[in-house]
PDB file of N, CA and C in Angstrom:
ATOM      1  N   MET A   1     -79.226-201.851-200.585  1.00  0.00           N
ATOM      2  CA  MET A   1     -77.957-201.607-201.226  1.00  0.00           C
ATOM      3  C   MET A   1     -78.049-200.798-202.577  1.00  0.00           C
ATOM      4  N   ALA A   2     -79.440-201.100-203.237  1.00  0.00           N
ATOM      5  CA  ALA A   2     -79.705-200.512-204.525  1.00  0.00           C
ATOM      6  C   ALA A   2     -80.035-198.911-204.261  1.00  0.00           C
ATOM      7  N   VAL A   3     -80.898-198.629-203.260  1.00  0.00           N
ATOM      8  CA  VAL A   3     -81.094-197.280-202.628  1.00  0.00           C
ATOM      9  C   VAL A   3     -80.296-196.710-202.242  1.00  0.00           C
ATOM     10  N   THR A   4     -78.878-197.092-201.526  1.00  0.00           N
ATOM     11  CA  THR A   4     -77.822-196.192-201.230  1.00  0.00           C
ATOM     12  C   THR A   4     -76.988-196.014-202.336  1.00  0.00           C
ATOM     13  N   VAL A   5     -76.835-196.765-203.380  1.00  0.00           N
ATOM     14  CA  VAL A   5     -76.184-196.621-204.465  1.00  0.00           C
ATOM     15  C   VAL A   5     -76.866-195.647-205.488  1.00  0.00           C
ATOM     16  N   SER A   6     -78.157-195.516-205.268  1.00  0.00           N
ATOM     17  CA  SER A   6     -78.766-194.592-206.344  1.00  0.00           C
ATOM     18  C   SER A   6     -78.635-192.818-205.471  1.00  0.00           C
ATOM     19  N   LEU A   7     -78.937-193.206-204.139  1.00  0.00           N
ATOM     20  CA  LEU A   7     -78.746-191.829-203.402  1.00  0.00           C
ATOM     21  C   LEU A   7     -77.277-191.713-203.678  1.00  0.00           C
ATOM     22  N   VAL A   8     -76.395-192.302-203.961  1.00  0.00           N
ATOM     23  CA  VAL A   8     -74.755-191.683-203.790  1.00  0.00           C
ATOM     24  C   VAL A   8     -74.740-191.134-205.016  1.00  0.00           C
ATOM     25  N   ALA A   9     -75.383-191.786-206.163  1.00  0.00           N
ATOM     26  CA  ALA A   9     -75.447-191.077-207.533  1.00  0.00           C
ATOM     27  C   ALA A   9     -76.201-190.019-207.714  1.00  0.00           C
ATOM     28  N   LEU A  10     -77.204-189.575-207.264  1.00  0.00           N
ATOM     29  CA  LEU A  10     -77.887-188.150-206.994  1.00  0.00           C
ATOM     30  C   LEU A  10     -77.314-187.165-206.447  1.00  0.00           C
ATOM     31  N   PHE A  11     -76.628-187.632-205.129  1.00  0.00           N
ATOM     32  CA  PHE A  11     -75.862-186.562-204.616  1.00  0.00           C
ATOM     33  C   PHE A  11     -74.717-186.221-205.350  1.00  0.00           C
ATOM     34  N   ALA A  12     -73.991-187.086-206.302  1.00  0.00           N
ATOM     35  CA  ALA A  12     -72.908-186.853-206.555  1.00  0.00           C
ATOM     36  C   ALA A  12     -73.119-186.032-207.974  1.00  0.00           C
ATOM     37  N   LEU A  13     -74.386-186.213-208.505  1.00  0.00           N
ATOM     38  CA  LEU A  13     -75.147-185.596-210.067  1.00  0.00           C
ATOM     39  C   LEU A  13     -75.105-183.989-209.420  1.00  0.00           C
ATOM     40  N   VAL A  14     -75.894-183.684-208.165  1.00  0.00           N
ATOM     41  CA  VAL A  14     -76.210-182.462-207.545  1.00  0.00           C
ATOM     42  C   VAL A  14     -75.001-181.904-207.269  1.00  0.00           C
ATOM     43  N   LEU A  15     -74.244-182.646-206.650  1.00  0.00           N
ATOM     44  CA  LEU A  15     -72.702-182.039-206.403  1.00  0.00           C
ATOM     45  C   LEU A  15     -72.027-181.289-207.665  1.00  0.00           C
ATOM     46  N   PHE A  16     -71.867-182.161-208.627  1.00  0.00           N
ATOM     47  CA  PHE A  16     -71.384-182.049-209.888  1.00  0.00           C
ATOM     48  C   PHE A  16     -71.778-180.881-210.342  1.00  0.00           C
ATOM     49  N   PHE A  17     -73.334-180.556-210.522  1.00  0.00           N
ATOM     50  CA  PHE A  17     -73.811-179.355-211.067  1.00  0.00           C
ATOM     51  C   PHE A  17     -73.747-178.075-210.015  1.00  0.00           C
ATOM     52  N   LEU A  18     -73.651-178.217-208.858  1.00  0.00           N
ATOM     53  CA  LEU A  18     -73.415-177.167-208.088  1.00  0.00           C
ATOM     54  C   LEU A  18     -71.795-176.784-208.414  1.00  0.00           C
ATOM     55  N   LEU A  19     -70.935-177.607-208.422  1.00  0.00           N
ATOM     56  CA  LEU A  19     -69.463-177.107-208.886  1.00  0.00           C
ATOM     57  C   LEU A  19     -69.338-176.539-210.094  1.00  0.00           C
ATOM     58  N   ARG A  20     -70.334-177.061-211.043  1.00  0.00           N
ATOM     59  CA  ARG A  20     -70.007-176.456-212.454  1.00  0.00           C
ATOM     60  C   ARG A  20     -70.408-175.169-212.645  1.00  0.00           C
ATOM     61  N   HIS A  21     -71.949-174.535-212.090  1.00  0.00           N
ATOM     62  CA  HIS A  21     -72.062-173.540-212.242  1.00  0.00           C
ATOM     63  C   HIS A  21     -71.659-172.158-210.823  1.00  0.00           C
ATOM     64  N   GLY A  22     -70.712-172.971-210.109  1.00  0.00           N
ATOM     65  CA  GLY A  22     -70.151-172.141-209.523  1.00  0.00           C
ATOM     66  C   GLY A  22     -70.961-171.814-208.092  1.00  0.00           C
ATOM     67  N   SER A  23     -71.887-172.663-208.044  1.00  0.00           N
ATOM     68  CA  SER A  23     -72.476-172.325-206.771  1.00  0.00           C
ATOM     69  C   SER A  23     -71.986-172.849-205.461  1.00  0.00           C
ATOM     70  N   LEU A  24     -70.706-173.708-205.838  1.00  0.00           N
ATOM     71  CA  LEU A  24     -70.567-174.536-204.424  1.00  0.00           C
ATOM     72  C   LEU A  24     -69.058-174.436-204.661  1.00  0.00           C
ATOM     73  N   SER A  25     -68.073-174.176-204.009  1.00  0.00           N
ATOM     74  CA  SER A  25     -66.739-173.875-204.264  1.00  0.00           C
ATOM     75  C   SER A  25     -65.798-175.250-204.210  1.00  0.00           C
ATOM     76  N   ALA A  26     -64.758-175.500-204.677  1.00  0.00           N
ATOM     77  CA  ALA A  26     -64.311-176.766-204.615  1.00  0.00           C
ATOM     78  C   ALA A  26     -63.924-177.177-202.992  1.00  0.00           C
ATOM     79  N   GLY A  27     -63.341-176.380-202.383  1.00  0.00           N
ATOM     80  CA  GLY A  27     -63.140-176.534-200.943  1.00  0.00           C
ATOM     81  C   GLY A  27     -64.222-176.582-199.858  1.00  0.00           C
ATOM     82  N   SER A  28     -65.616-176.241-200.391  1.00  0.00           N
ATOM     83  CA  SER A  28     -66.754-176.323-199.966  1.00  0.00           C
ATOM     84  C   SER A  28     -67.234-178.191-200.104  1.00  0.00           C
ATOM     85  N   ALA A  29     -67.117-178.558-201.138  1.00  0.00           N
ATOM     86  CA  ALA A  29     -67.183-179.871-201.672  1.00  0.00           C
ATOM     87  C   ALA A  29     -66.481-180.763-200.991  1.00  0.00           C
ATOM     88  N   PHE A  30     -65.226-180.438-201.068  1.00  0.00           N
ATOM     89  CA  PHE A  30     -64.176-181.464-200.072  1.00  0.00           C
ATOM     90  C   PHE A  30     -64.658-181.460-198.646  1.00  0.00           C
ATOM     91  N   ILE A  31     -64.833-180.426-198.033  1.00  0.00           N
ATOM     92  CA  ILE A  31     -65.253-180.482-196.567  1.00  0.00           C
ATOM     93  C   ILE A  31     -66.896-180.921-196.581  1.00  0.00           C
ATOM     94  N   ALA A  32     -67.642-181.207-197.479  1.00  0.00           N
ATOM     95  CA  ALA A  32     -69.209-181.877-197.497  1.00  0.00           C
ATOM     96  C   ALA A  32     -68.712-183.220-197.530  1.00  0.00           C
ATOM     97  N   ALA A  33     -67.909-183.678-198.403  1.00  0.00           N
ATOM     98  CA  ALA A  33     -67.598-185.056-198.739  1.00  0.00           C
ATOM     99  C   ALA A  33     -67.071-185.499-197.409  1.00  0.00           C
ATOM    100  N   GLY A  34     -65.815-184.796-196.968  1.00  0.00           N
ATOM    101  CA  GLY A  34     -64.882-185.339-195.741  1.00  0.00           C
ATOM    102  C   GLY A  34     -66.032-185.499-194.454  1.00  0.00           C
ATOM    103  N   PHE A  35     -66.867-184.630-194.487  1.00  0.00           N
ATOM    104  CA  PHE A  35     -68.010-184.499-193.741  1.00  0.00           C
ATOM    105  C   PHE A  35     -68.889-186.004-193.862  1.00  0.00           C
ATOM    106  N   GLY A  36     -69.209-186.175-194.827  1.00  0.00           N
ATOM    107  CA  GLY A  36     -69.752-187.441-194.913  1.00  0.00           C
ATOM    108  C   GLY A  36     -69.317-188.748-194.800  1.00  0.00           C
ATOM    109  N   PHE A  37     -68.020-188.754-194.967  1.00  0.00           N
ATOM    110  CA  PHE A  37     -67.382-189.986-194.419  1.00  0.00           C
ATOM    111  C   PHE A  37     -67.007-190.417-193.392  1.00  0.00           C
ATOM    112  N   PHE A  38     -66.779-188.908-192.617  1.00  0.00           N
ATOM    113  CA  PHE A  38     -66.559-189.259-191.213  1.00  0.00           C
ATOM    114  C   PHE A  38     -67.965-189.387-190.146  1.00  0.00           C
ATOM    115  N   LEU A  39     -68.957-188.988-190.932  1.00  0.00           N
ATOM    116  CA  LEU A  39     -70.353-188.906-190.353  1.00  0.00           C
ATOM    117  C   LEU A  39     -70.803-190.561-190.514  1.00  0.00           C
ATOM    118  N   ALA A  40     -70.356-191.143-191.444  1.00  0.00           N
ATOM    119  CA  ALA A  40     -70.564-192.528-191.871  1.00  0.00           C
ATOM    120  C   ALA A  40     -70.041-193.470-190.831  1.00  0.00           C
ATOM    121  N   SER A  41     -68.737-193.136-190.391  1.00  0.00           N
ATOM    122  CA  SER A  41     -68.221-193.845-189.381  1.00  0.00           C
ATOM    123  C   SER A  41     -68.749-193.625-187.714  1.00  0.00           C
ATOM    124  N   THR A  42     -69.602-192.453-187.552  1.00  0.00           N
ATOM    125  CA  THR A  42     -69.861-192.388-186.284  1.00  0.00           C
ATOM    126  C   THR A  42     -71.254-193.366-185.761  1.00  0.00           C
ATOM    127  N   GLY A  43     -71.947-193.241-184.819  1.00  0.00           N
ATOM    128  CA  GLY A  43     -72.904-193.926-184.279  1.00  0.00           C
ATOM    129  C   GLY A  43     -74.211-193.174-185.063  1.00  0.00           C
ATOM    130  N   ALA A  44     -74.229-192.040-185.723  1.00  0.00           N
ATOM    131  CA  ALA A  44     -75.458-191.404-186.255  1.00  0.00           C
ATOM    132  C   ALA A  44     -75.761-192.230-187.408  1.00  0.00           C
ATOM    133  N   ALA A  45     -75.071-192.973-188.059  1.00  0.00           N
ATOM    134  CA  ALA A  45     -75.037-193.737-189.406  1.00  0.00           C
ATOM    135  C   ALA A  45     -76.326-194.446-189.463  1.00  0.00           C
ATOM    136  N   ALA A  46     -75.942-195.223-188.498  1.00  0.00           N
ATOM    137  CA  ALA A  46     -77.590-196.210-188.309  1.00  0.00           C
ATOM    138  C   ALA A  46     -78.675-195.561-188.264  1.00  0.00           C
ATOM    139  N   PRO A  47     -78.752-194.409-187.358  1.00  0.00           N
ATOM    140  CA  PRO A  47     -80.492-193.936-187.377  1.00  0.00           C
ATOM    141  C   PRO A  47     -80.634-193.116-188.923  1.00  0.00           C
ATOM    142  N   ILE A  48     -79.626-192.451-189.454  1.00  0.00           N
ATOM    143  CA  ILE A  48     -79.639-191.983-190.733  1.00  0.00           C
ATOM    144  C   ILE A  48     -80.083-192.886-191.757  1.00  0.00           C
ATOM    145  N   ASN A  49     -79.539-194.078-191.370  1.00  0.00           N
ATOM    146  CA  ASN A  49     -79.714-194.846-192.855  1.00  0.00           C
ATOM    147  C   ASN A  49     -81.408-195.467-192.298  1.00  0.00           C
ATOM    148  N   GLN A  50     -81.853-195.617-191.210  1.00  0.00           N
ATOM    149  CA  GLN A  50     -83.184-196.037-190.833  1.00  0.00           C
ATOM    150  C   GLN A  50     -84.033-195.059-191.195  1.00  0.00           C
ATOM    151  N   LEU A  51     -83.850-193.823-190.783  1.00  0.00           N
ATOM    152  CA  LEU A  51     -84.919-192.454-191.417  1.00  0.00           C
ATOM    153  C   LEU A  51     -84.668-192.312-193.033  1.00  0.00           C
ATOM    154  N   THR A  52     -83.746-192.634-193.682  1.00  0.00           N
ATOM    155  CA  THR A  52     -83.584-192.544-195.114  1.00  0.00           C
ATOM    156  C   THR A  52     -84.439-193.658-195.620  1.00  0.00           C
ATOM    157  N   ASN A  53     -84.457-195.046-195.033  1.00  0.00           N
ATOM    158  CA  ASN A  53     -85.178-196.342-195.410  1.00  0.00           C
ATOM    159  C   ASN A  53     -86.847-195.735-195.292  1.00  0.00           C
ATOM    160  N   ALA A  54     -87.122-195.221-193.843  1.00  0.00           N
ATOM    161  CA  ALA A  54     -88.163-194.973-193.514  1.00  0.00           C
ATOM    162  C   ALA A  54     -88.981-193.996-194.734  1.00  0.00           C
ATOM    163  N   VAL A  55     -88.179-192.855-194.925  1.00  0.00           N
ATOM    164  CA  VAL A  55     -88.975-191.930-196.045  1.00  0.00           C
ATOM    165  C   VAL A  55     -89.055-192.780-197.271  1.00  0.00           C
ATOM    166  N   LEU A  56     -88.114-193.522-197.992  1.00  0.00           N
ATOM    167  CA  LEU A  56     -88.309-193.870-199.082  1.00  0.00           C
ATOM    168  C   LEU A  56     -89.442-194.823-198.920  1.00  0.00           C
ATOM    169  N   ASP A  57     -89.593-195.825-198.098  1.00  0.00           N
ATOM    170  CA  ASP A  57     -90.682-196.824-198.119  1.00  0.00           C
ATOM    171  C   ASP A  57     -91.969-195.759-197.673  1.00  0.00           C
ATOM    172  N   ALA A  58     -92.171-194.774-197.156  1.00  0.00           N
ATOM    173  CA  ALA A  58     -93.457-194.119-197.278  1.00  0.00           C
ATOM    174  C   ALA A  58     -93.806-193.255-198.609  1.00  0.00           C
ATOM    175  N   VAL A  59     -92.762-192.782-199.383  1.00  0.00           N
ATOM    176  CA  VAL A  59     -92.867-192.387-200.551  1.00  0.00           C
ATOM    177  C   VAL A  59     -92.939-193.825-201.530  1.00  0.00           C
ATOM    178  N   ALA A  60     -92.612-194.666-201.269  1.00  0.00           N
ATOM    179  CA  ALA A  60     -93.098-195.830-202.070  1.00  0.00           C
ATOM    180  C   ALA A  60     -94.406-196.364-201.933  1.00  0.00           C
ATOM    181  N   ALA A  61     -95.195-195.942-200.490  1.00  0.00           N
ATOM    182  CA  ALA A  61     -96.424-196.384-200.426  1.00  0.00           C
ATOM    183  C   ALA A  61     -97.466-195.422-200.843  1.00  0.00           C
ATOM    184  N   LEU A  62     -96.896-194.358-201.391  1.00  0.00           N
ATOM    185  CA  LEU A  62     -97.778-193.283-201.752  1.00  0.00           C
ATOM    186  C   LEU A  62     -98.608-193.474-203.333  1.00  0.00           C
TER     187      LEU A  62
END
């Protein structure tokens, strides 16, 4: 749970700076956020979470 909250905060921060510097338009940000919400409700959500956990475990083991 803590990793998920941290990743959400990280992605929100990156998205904020992309919007602020004009690298990403508001429409693109809305589409990206919508895609994330819809992706979370599909069968792909579990494998993505497993992959994220595996990568974070590998980084922690370094």
